[in-house]
Amino acid sequence: MTSSRALVSAYWAAAEARDWEAFGRLLADSVVYEAPMSRERVDGKAAYVRFNAEGFPGDWHLSVMRIVADEGTAASWIRMADADDVYPGLTFFEIADGLITGITDFWPQRYEPPASRAHLTERI
């Protein structure tokens, strides 16, 4: 990737396309994902790709509203559309050596994650 902004843009494009192979190429092997609103954590690239591929069934779509980035960090504001609901998401990224090393997702409100993805995360 040529910049943190391009890396995050590619991350969201791969997620929207459900191109989990391309998605995984953007992540460091030791990537850590945290979602404070649902108290979930996922450690490692393979686990995080699986979390995304298996943990969010249904017909959802996202669009990027804004990405702000510097050399080692980035933040994005997305609009997520899922079933009949549309809501914002804020995501903060840590970046090193051209790969995403840390991701923290914030959604509009706290929620209990579905039981169907409990095996994919640890609770924080």
Protein backbone atom coordinates (compact mmCIF):
# COMPACT_ATOMS: atom_id res chain seq x y z
CA MET A 1 0.00 0.00 0.00
CA THR A 2 1.20 3.49 -0.70
CA SER A 3 -0.47 5.22 2.26
CA SER A 4 -2.46 4.59 5.42
CA ARG A 5 -5.47 6.16 3.72
CA ALA A 6 -5.20 3.82 0.73
CA LEU A 7 -4.79 0.84 3.07
CA VAL A 8 -7.98 1.65 4.98
CA SER A 9 -9.84 2.35 1.74
CA ALA A 10 -8.77 -1.07 0.43
CA TYR A 11 -9.85 -2.68 3.75
CA TRP A 12 -13.40 -1.33 3.42
CA ALA A 13 -13.57 -2.15 -0.30
CA ALA A 14 -12.54 -5.76 0.40
CA ALA A 15 -15.11 -6.01 3.24
CA GLU A 16 -17.91 -4.67 1.04
CA ALA A 17 -16.93 -7.12 -1.72
CA ARG A 18 -16.64 -10.00 0.78
CA ASP A 19 -13.21 -10.62 -0.74
CA TRP A 20 -11.75 -12.22 2.38
CA GLU A 21 -8.49 -13.17 0.66
CA ALA A 22 -7.79 -9.53 -0.28
CA PHE A 23 -9.02 -8.43 3.16
CA GLY A 24 -6.51 -10.75 4.85
CA ARG A 25 -3.60 -9.42 2.79
CA LEU A 26 -4.12 -6.00 4.43
CA LEU A 27 -3.70 -7.34 7.97
CA ALA A 28 -0.61 -8.08 10.04
CA ASP A 29 -0.45 -11.68 11.31
CA SER A 30 -0.77 -10.37 14.88
CA VAL A 31 -3.66 -7.94 14.22
CA VAL A 32 -5.95 -7.31 17.21
CA TYR A 33 -9.57 -6.29 16.72
CA GLU A 34 -11.66 -4.83 19.55
CA ALA A 35 -15.29 -3.75 19.63
CA PRO A 36 -15.91 -1.94 22.95
CA MET A 37 -19.65 -1.62 22.30
CA SER A 38 -20.10 -5.41 22.20
CA ARG A 39 -17.07 -6.22 24.39
CA GLU A 40 -15.52 -8.50 21.75
CA ARG A 41 -11.85 -9.08 20.88
CA VAL A 42 -10.29 -11.13 18.12
CA ASP A 43 -6.55 -11.89 18.07
CA GLY A 44 -4.68 -12.75 14.88
CA LYS A 45 -5.25 -12.47 11.15
CA ALA A 46 -6.78 -15.90 10.54
CA ALA A 47 -9.25 -15.48 13.40
CA TYR A 48 -10.20 -11.95 12.32
CA VAL A 49 -10.79 -12.94 8.70
CA ARG A 50 -12.95 -15.83 9.92
CA PHE A 51 -14.83 -13.47 12.30
CA ASN A 52 -15.76 -11.24 9.36
CA ALA A 53 -16.51 -14.03 6.89
CA GLU A 54 -18.69 -16.05 9.29
CA GLY A 55 -19.84 -13.57 11.92
CA PHE A 56 -21.95 -11.22 9.83
CA PRO A 57 -24.46 -13.11 7.70
CA GLY A 58 -27.14 -11.33 5.79
CA ASP A 59 -27.36 -8.68 3.15
CA TRP A 60 -25.36 -5.80 4.59
CA HIS A 61 -23.55 -3.04 2.74
CA LEU A 62 -21.23 -0.28 3.76
CA SER A 63 -20.09 2.99 2.28
CA VAL A 64 -17.13 5.04 3.38
CA MET A 65 -18.01 8.57 4.38
CA ARG A 66 -14.53 9.76 5.39
CA ILE A 67 -11.01 8.49 6.08
CA VAL A 68 -8.43 10.54 7.97
CA ALA A 69 -4.93 9.14 8.17
CA ASP A 70 -1.29 9.77 8.95
CA GLU A 71 1.71 7.48 8.74
CA GLY A 72 0.83 5.08 11.56
CA THR A 73 -2.86 5.60 12.28
CA ALA A 74 -6.14 6.14 10.51
CA ALA A 75 -9.79 6.69 11.37
CA SER A 76 -12.81 6.03 9.22
CA TRP A 77 -16.48 6.92 9.34
CA ILE A 78 -18.69 4.48 7.49
CA ARG A 79 -22.40 4.10 6.91
CA MET A 80 -23.61 0.54 7.41
CA ALA A 81 -26.88 -0.67 5.93
CA ASP A 82 -28.22 -3.91 7.36
CA ALA A 83 -31.77 -5.13 6.66
CA ASP A 84 -34.00 -2.10 7.37
CA ASP A 85 -31.46 -0.13 9.43
CA VAL A 86 -28.75 2.34 8.48
CA TYR A 87 -26.24 3.46 11.09
CA PRO A 88 -22.76 5.00 11.39
CA GLY A 89 -19.58 3.25 12.41
CA LEU A 90 -16.29 4.76 13.55
CA THR A 91 -13.16 2.68 13.25
CA PHE A 92 -9.65 3.47 14.41
CA PHE A 93 -6.69 1.70 12.84
CA GLU A 94 -3.10 1.18 13.90
CA ILE A 95 -0.70 0.62 11.01
CA ALA A 96 2.89 -0.58 10.80
CA ASP A 97 5.01 -1.69 7.85
CA GLY A 98 2.12 -1.17 5.43
CA LEU A 99 -0.29 -3.49 7.29
CA ILE A 100 -3.13 -3.01 9.75
CA THR A 101 -2.01 -4.08 13.23
CA GLY A 102 -4.92 -2.88 15.35
CA ILE A 103 -8.61 -2.12 14.79
CA THR A 104 -11.08 -0.61 17.24
CA ASP A 105 -14.72 -0.39 16.09
CA PHE A 106 -17.37 1.86 17.62
CA TRP A 107 -21.05 1.51 16.78
CA PRO A 108 -23.94 3.78 17.88
CA GLN A 109 -24.88 1.81 20.98
CA ARG A 110 -23.84 -1.07 23.20
CA TYR A 111 -25.20 -4.45 22.20
CA GLU A 112 -24.88 -8.10 23.00
CA PRO A 113 -23.29 -9.95 20.11
CA PRO A 114 -25.27 -12.82 18.64
CA ALA A 115 -24.61 -16.23 20.16
CA SER A 116 -23.81 -17.51 16.67
CA ARG A 117 -20.45 -15.74 16.71
CA ALA A 118 -19.46 -16.37 20.35
CA HIS A 119 -16.97 -19.05 19.25
CA LEU A 120 -15.16 -16.47 17.08
CA THR A 121 -14.30 -13.95 19.84
CA GLU A 122 -13.25 -13.50 23.41
CA ARG A 123 -15.14 -11.09 25.67
CA ILE A 124 -13.40 -8.01 27.06
